[in-house]
Amino acid sequence: MSLVIPLLLQALASGIASVGFSLLFGAPARCFPYCGLIGAVGWTAYLILEMTAAPTLATLAATILVVLLSRWYAVREQCPATIFLTSAMIPLVPGRGIYWATYYAVNGELELAMDTGFEAFKMVVAIVLGIVLVLELPQRWFRAARRKPRQEG
């Protein structure tokens, strides 16, 4: 129970952040809930996987999940996957690692800067690999998600 509340709060915060970025990127308003949901699911998956795996592997797995969900909702909502992907990936971007690498470099702690920067770089590579792997899947695999057109009556 002690892990559930912080996990839910972080999921909520990452969902709100994803919706905020989808607003900033000019996504259609009907896509906001899906952007938030995908961002929250991706960050929650990362947090759960990070407990048992290396942060780089957790990032790769969470990225794969985010891209799969983005492609599924893109077909379902008949929007480009980029709308969901750019907003939902925001929580996974290693901004903290990049910040601390720069901070350590400016303060002359070059060994810490290299270690922190290399960890951030590995996470960025994991994000790129996850995106490339899923975007190479055939589009027909996602067509089952398409909504039926509304009947005019």
C-alpha atoms as a PDB file:
ATOM      1  CA  MET A   1       0.000   0.000   0.000  1.00  0.00           C
ATOM      2  CA  SER A   2       2.903   2.336   0.702  1.00  0.00           C
ATOM      3  CA  LEU A   3       3.979   2.243  -2.972  1.00  0.00           C
ATOM      4  CA  VAL A   4       0.507   2.549  -4.470  1.00  0.00           C
ATOM      5  CA  ILE A   5      -0.249   6.158  -3.494  1.00  0.00           C
ATOM      6  CA  PRO A   6       3.043   7.637  -4.809  1.00  0.00           C
ATOM      7  CA  LEU A   7       2.680   5.541  -7.960  1.00  0.00           C
ATOM      8  CA  LEU A   8      -0.850   6.846  -8.549  1.00  0.00           C
ATOM      9  CA  LEU A   9       0.227  10.433  -7.872  1.00  0.00           C
ATOM     10  CA  GLN A  10       3.105  10.146 -10.331  1.00  0.00           C
ATOM     11  CA  ALA A  11       0.816   8.559 -12.914  1.00  0.00           C
ATOM     12  CA  LEU A  12      -1.642  11.433 -12.482  1.00  0.00           C
ATOM     13  CA  ALA A  13       1.137  14.023 -12.748  1.00  0.00           C
ATOM     14  CA  SER A  14       2.581  12.425 -15.880  1.00  0.00           C
ATOM     15  CA  GLY A  15      -0.886  12.264 -17.432  1.00  0.00           C
ATOM     16  CA  ILE A  16      -1.440  15.949 -16.715  1.00  0.00           C
ATOM     17  CA  ALA A  17       2.001  16.784 -18.129  1.00  0.00           C
ATOM     18  CA  SER A  18       1.210  14.824 -21.293  1.00  0.00           C
ATOM     19  CA  VAL A  19      -2.088  16.657 -21.715  1.00  0.00           C
ATOM     20  CA  GLY A  20      -0.275  19.955 -21.176  1.00  0.00           C
ATOM     21  CA  PHE A  21       2.216  19.160 -23.905  1.00  0.00           C
ATOM     22  CA  SER A  22      -0.518  17.984 -26.249  1.00  0.00           C
ATOM     23  CA  LEU A  23      -2.165  21.374 -25.732  1.00  0.00           C
ATOM     24  CA  LEU A  24       1.175  23.057 -26.392  1.00  0.00           C
ATOM     25  CA  PHE A  25       1.700  21.008 -29.578  1.00  0.00           C
ATOM     26  CA  GLY A  26      -1.750  21.917 -30.871  1.00  0.00           C
ATOM     27  CA  ALA A  27      -3.301  18.460 -30.736  1.00  0.00           C
ATOM     28  CA  PRO A  28      -7.068  18.240 -31.299  1.00  0.00           C
ATOM     29  CA  ALA A  29      -8.986  18.557 -28.044  1.00  0.00           C
ATOM     30  CA  ARG A  30     -10.637  15.159 -28.549  1.00  0.00           C
ATOM     31  CA  CYS A  31      -7.168  13.580 -28.290  1.00  0.00           C
ATOM     32  CA  PHE A  32      -6.238  15.127 -24.914  1.00  0.00           C
ATOM     33  CA  PRO A  33      -7.605  12.285 -22.761  1.00  0.00           C
ATOM     34  CA  TYR A  34      -5.785   9.676 -24.839  1.00  0.00           C
ATOM     35  CA  CYS A  35      -2.498  11.619 -24.710  1.00  0.00           C
ATOM     36  CA  GLY A  36      -2.804  11.830 -20.935  1.00  0.00           C
ATOM     37  CA  LEU A  37      -3.712   8.172 -20.600  1.00  0.00           C
ATOM     38  CA  ILE A  38      -0.792   7.010 -22.748  1.00  0.00           C
ATOM     39  CA  GLY A  39       1.643   9.268 -20.883  1.00  0.00           C
ATOM     40  CA  ALA A  40       0.413   8.005 -17.506  1.00  0.00           C
ATOM     41  CA  VAL A  41       0.555   4.356 -18.587  1.00  0.00           C
ATOM     42  CA  GLY A  42       4.063   4.786 -19.999  1.00  0.00           C
ATOM     43  CA  TRP A  43       5.426   6.456 -16.867  1.00  0.00           C
ATOM     44  CA  THR A  44       3.735   3.904 -14.581  1.00  0.00           C
ATOM     45  CA  ALA A  45       5.225   1.065 -16.616  1.00  0.00           C
ATOM     46  CA  TYR A  46       8.643   2.705 -16.313  1.00  0.00           C
ATOM     47  CA  LEU A  47       8.343   3.063 -12.533  1.00  0.00           C
ATOM     48  CA  ILE A  48       7.223  -0.536 -12.055  1.00  0.00           C
ATOM     49  CA  LEU A  49       9.899  -1.947 -14.361  1.00  0.00           C
ATOM     50  CA  GLU A  50      12.632   0.198 -12.811  1.00  0.00           C
ATOM     51  CA  MET A  51      12.105  -1.625  -9.513  1.00  0.00           C
ATOM     52  CA  THR A  52      13.358  -4.880 -11.030  1.00  0.00           C
ATOM     53  CA  ALA A  53      15.356  -3.902 -14.138  1.00  0.00           C
ATOM     54  CA  ALA A  54      17.975  -1.366 -15.155  1.00  0.00           C
ATOM     55  CA  PRO A  55      16.620   2.112 -15.948  1.00  0.00           C
ATOM     56  CA  THR A  56      17.654   1.735 -19.586  1.00  0.00           C
ATOM     57  CA  LEU A  57      15.652  -1.476 -20.014  1.00  0.00           C
ATOM     58  CA  ALA A  58      12.707   0.053 -18.166  1.00  0.00           C
ATOM     59  CA  THR A  59      12.863   3.032 -20.529  1.00  0.00           C
ATOM     60  CA  LEU A  60      12.973   0.761 -23.587  1.00  0.00           C
ATOM     61  CA  ALA A  61       9.987  -1.293 -22.433  1.00  0.00           C
ATOM     62  CA  ALA A  62       7.955   1.783 -21.456  1.00  0.00           C
ATOM     63  CA  THR A  63       8.766   3.406 -24.805  1.00  0.00           C
ATOM     64  CA  ILE A  64       7.614   0.321 -26.693  1.00  0.00           C
ATOM     65  CA  LEU A  65       4.345   0.402 -24.732  1.00  0.00           C
ATOM     66  CA  VAL A  66       3.859   4.130 -25.399  1.00  0.00           C
ATOM     67  CA  VAL A  67       4.487   3.755 -29.137  1.00  0.00           C
ATOM     68  CA  LEU A  68       2.174   0.732 -29.397  1.00  0.00           C
ATOM     69  CA  LEU A  69      -0.609   2.631 -27.624  1.00  0.00           C
ATOM     70  CA  SER A  70       0.062   5.724 -29.750  1.00  0.00           C
ATOM     71  CA  ARG A  71      -0.262   3.771 -32.958  1.00  0.00           C
ATOM     72  CA  TRP A  72      -3.392   1.994 -31.725  1.00  0.00           C
ATOM     73  CA  TYR A  73      -5.109   5.253 -30.729  1.00  0.00           C
ATOM     74  CA  ALA A  74      -3.938   6.916 -33.951  1.00  0.00           C
ATOM     75  CA  VAL A  75      -5.828   4.331 -35.980  1.00  0.00           C
ATOM     76  CA  ARG A  76      -8.804   4.399 -33.607  1.00  0.00           C
ATOM     77  CA  GLU A  77      -9.112   8.188 -33.673  1.00  0.00           C
ATOM     78  CA  GLN A  78      -7.907   8.560 -37.286  1.00  0.00           C
ATOM     79  CA  CYS A  79      -5.132  10.985 -36.318  1.00  0.00           C
ATOM     80  CA  PRO A  80      -1.391  10.886 -36.895  1.00  0.00           C
ATOM     81  CA  ALA A  81       0.473   8.802 -34.301  1.00  0.00           C
ATOM     82  CA  THR A  82       2.807  11.754 -33.740  1.00  0.00           C
ATOM     83  CA  ILE A  83       0.025  13.582 -31.874  1.00  0.00           C
ATOM     84  CA  PHE A  84      -0.028  10.897 -29.194  1.00  0.00           C
ATOM     85  CA  LEU A  85       3.646   9.982 -29.335  1.00  0.00           C
ATOM     86  CA  THR A  86       5.193  13.417 -28.782  1.00  0.00           C
ATOM     87  CA  SER A  87       2.934  14.225 -25.850  1.00  0.00           C
ATOM     88  CA  ALA A  88       3.099  10.843 -24.167  1.00  0.00           C
ATOM     89  CA  MET A  89       6.894  10.536 -24.421  1.00  0.00           C
ATOM     90  CA  ILE A  90       7.490  13.696 -22.369  1.00  0.00           C
ATOM     91  CA  PRO A  91       7.545  11.879 -18.981  1.00  0.00           C
ATOM     92  CA  LEU A  92      10.163   9.414 -20.250  1.00  0.00           C
ATOM     93  CA  VAL A  93      12.636  12.008 -21.558  1.00  0.00           C
ATOM     94  CA  PRO A  94      15.739  11.967 -19.295  1.00  0.00           C
ATOM     95  CA  GLY A  95      15.805  15.700 -18.625  1.00  0.00           C
ATOM     96  CA  ARG A  96      16.955  15.215 -15.041  1.00  0.00           C
ATOM     97  CA  GLY A  97      20.026  13.267 -16.171  1.00  0.00           C
ATOM     98  CA  ILE A  98      20.919  15.869 -18.770  1.00  0.00           C
ATOM     99  CA  TYR A  99      20.495  18.647 -16.205  1.00  0.00           C
ATOM    100  CA  TRP A 100      22.745  16.955 -13.646  1.00  0.00           C
ATOM    101  CA  ALA A 101      25.382  16.086 -16.259  1.00  0.00           C
ATOM    102  CA  THR A 102      25.541  19.747 -17.236  1.00  0.00           C
ATOM    103  CA  TYR A 103      25.569  20.849 -13.598  1.00  0.00           C
ATOM    104  CA  TYR A 104      28.467  18.544 -12.739  1.00  0.00           C
ATOM    105  CA  ALA A 105      30.395  19.618 -15.844  1.00  0.00           C
ATOM    106  CA  VAL A 106      30.007  23.304 -14.993  1.00  0.00           C
ATOM    107  CA  ASN A 107      31.162  22.661 -11.416  1.00  0.00           C
ATOM    108  CA  GLY A 108      34.241  20.762 -12.578  1.00  0.00           C
ATOM    109  CA  GLU A 109      33.106  17.323 -11.412  1.00  0.00           C
ATOM    110  CA  LEU A 110      33.893  15.713 -14.735  1.00  0.00           C
ATOM    111  CA  GLU A 111      33.691  12.086 -13.602  1.00  0.00           C
ATOM    112  CA  LEU A 112      30.175  12.587 -12.239  1.00  0.00           C
ATOM    113  CA  ALA A 113      29.277  14.546 -15.374  1.00  0.00           C
ATOM    114  CA  MET A 114      30.443  11.698 -17.608  1.00  0.00           C
ATOM    115  CA  ASP A 115      28.626   9.031 -15.587  1.00  0.00           C
ATOM    116  CA  THR A 116      25.366  10.977 -15.432  1.00  0.00           C
ATOM    117  CA  GLY A 117      25.593  12.048 -19.060  1.00  0.00           C
ATOM    118  CA  PHE A 118      26.265   8.495 -20.229  1.00  0.00           C
ATOM    119  CA  GLU A 119      23.216   7.205 -18.307  1.00  0.00           C
ATOM    120  CA  ALA A 120      21.050   9.903 -19.916  1.00  0.00           C
ATOM    121  CA  PHE A 121      22.497   9.046 -23.327  1.00  0.00           C
ATOM    122  CA  LYS A 122      21.669   5.341 -22.838  1.00  0.00           C
ATOM    123  CA  MET A 123      18.083   6.268 -21.996  1.00  0.00           C
ATOM    124  CA  VAL A 124      17.828   8.434 -25.118  1.00  0.00           C
ATOM    125  CA  VAL A 125      19.133   5.542 -27.229  1.00  0.00           C
ATOM    126  CA  ALA A 126      16.556   3.235 -25.581  1.00  0.00           C
ATOM    127  CA  ILE A 127      13.789   5.710 -26.479  1.00  0.00           C
ATOM    128  CA  VAL A 128      14.956   5.916 -30.098  1.00  0.00           C
ATOM    129  CA  LEU A 129      15.223   2.132 -30.403  1.00  0.00           C
ATOM    130  CA  GLY A 130      11.764   1.633 -28.907  1.00  0.00           C
ATOM    131  CA  ILE A 131      10.224   4.123 -31.319  1.00  0.00           C
ATOM    132  CA  VAL A 132      11.983   2.637 -34.350  1.00  0.00           C
ATOM    133  CA  LEU A 133      11.108  -0.952 -33.418  1.00  0.00           C
ATOM    134  CA  VAL A 134       7.386  -0.276 -33.092  1.00  0.00           C
ATOM    135  CA  LEU A 135       7.096   2.131 -36.023  1.00  0.00           C
ATOM    136  CA  GLU A 136       8.454  -0.638 -38.258  1.00  0.00           C
ATOM    137  CA  LEU A 137       5.466  -2.875 -37.473  1.00  0.00           C
ATOM    138  CA  PRO A 138       2.979  -3.130 -40.345  1.00  0.00           C
ATOM    139  CA  GLN A 139       0.039  -0.716 -40.195  1.00  0.00           C
ATOM    140  CA  ARG A 140      -2.448  -3.520 -40.821  1.00  0.00           C
ATOM    141  CA  TRP A 141      -1.724  -4.889 -37.342  1.00  0.00           C
ATOM    142  CA  PHE A 142      -3.382  -1.812 -35.871  1.00  0.00           C
ATOM    143  CA  ARG A 143      -6.399  -1.571 -38.187  1.00  0.00           C
ATOM    144  CA  ALA A 144      -8.589  -3.680 -35.890  1.00  0.00           C
ATOM    145  CA  ALA A 145      -8.698  -0.669 -33.578  1.00  0.00           C
ATOM    146  CA  ARG A 146     -10.451   1.539 -36.135  1.00  0.00           C
ATOM    147  CA  ARG A 147     -13.799   2.904 -34.998  1.00  0.00           C
ATOM    148  CA  LYS A 148     -16.811   2.245 -37.127  1.00  0.00           C
ATOM    149  CA  PRO A 149     -18.154   5.388 -38.832  1.00  0.00           C
ATOM    150  CA  ARG A 150     -21.224   6.827 -37.177  1.00  0.00           C
ATOM    151  CA  GLN A 151     -24.533   6.133 -38.846  1.00  0.00           C
ATOM    152  CA  GLU A 152     -26.453   9.240 -39.807  1.00  0.00           C
ATOM    153  CA  GLY A 153     -30.061   8.736 -38.901  1.00  0.00           C
END
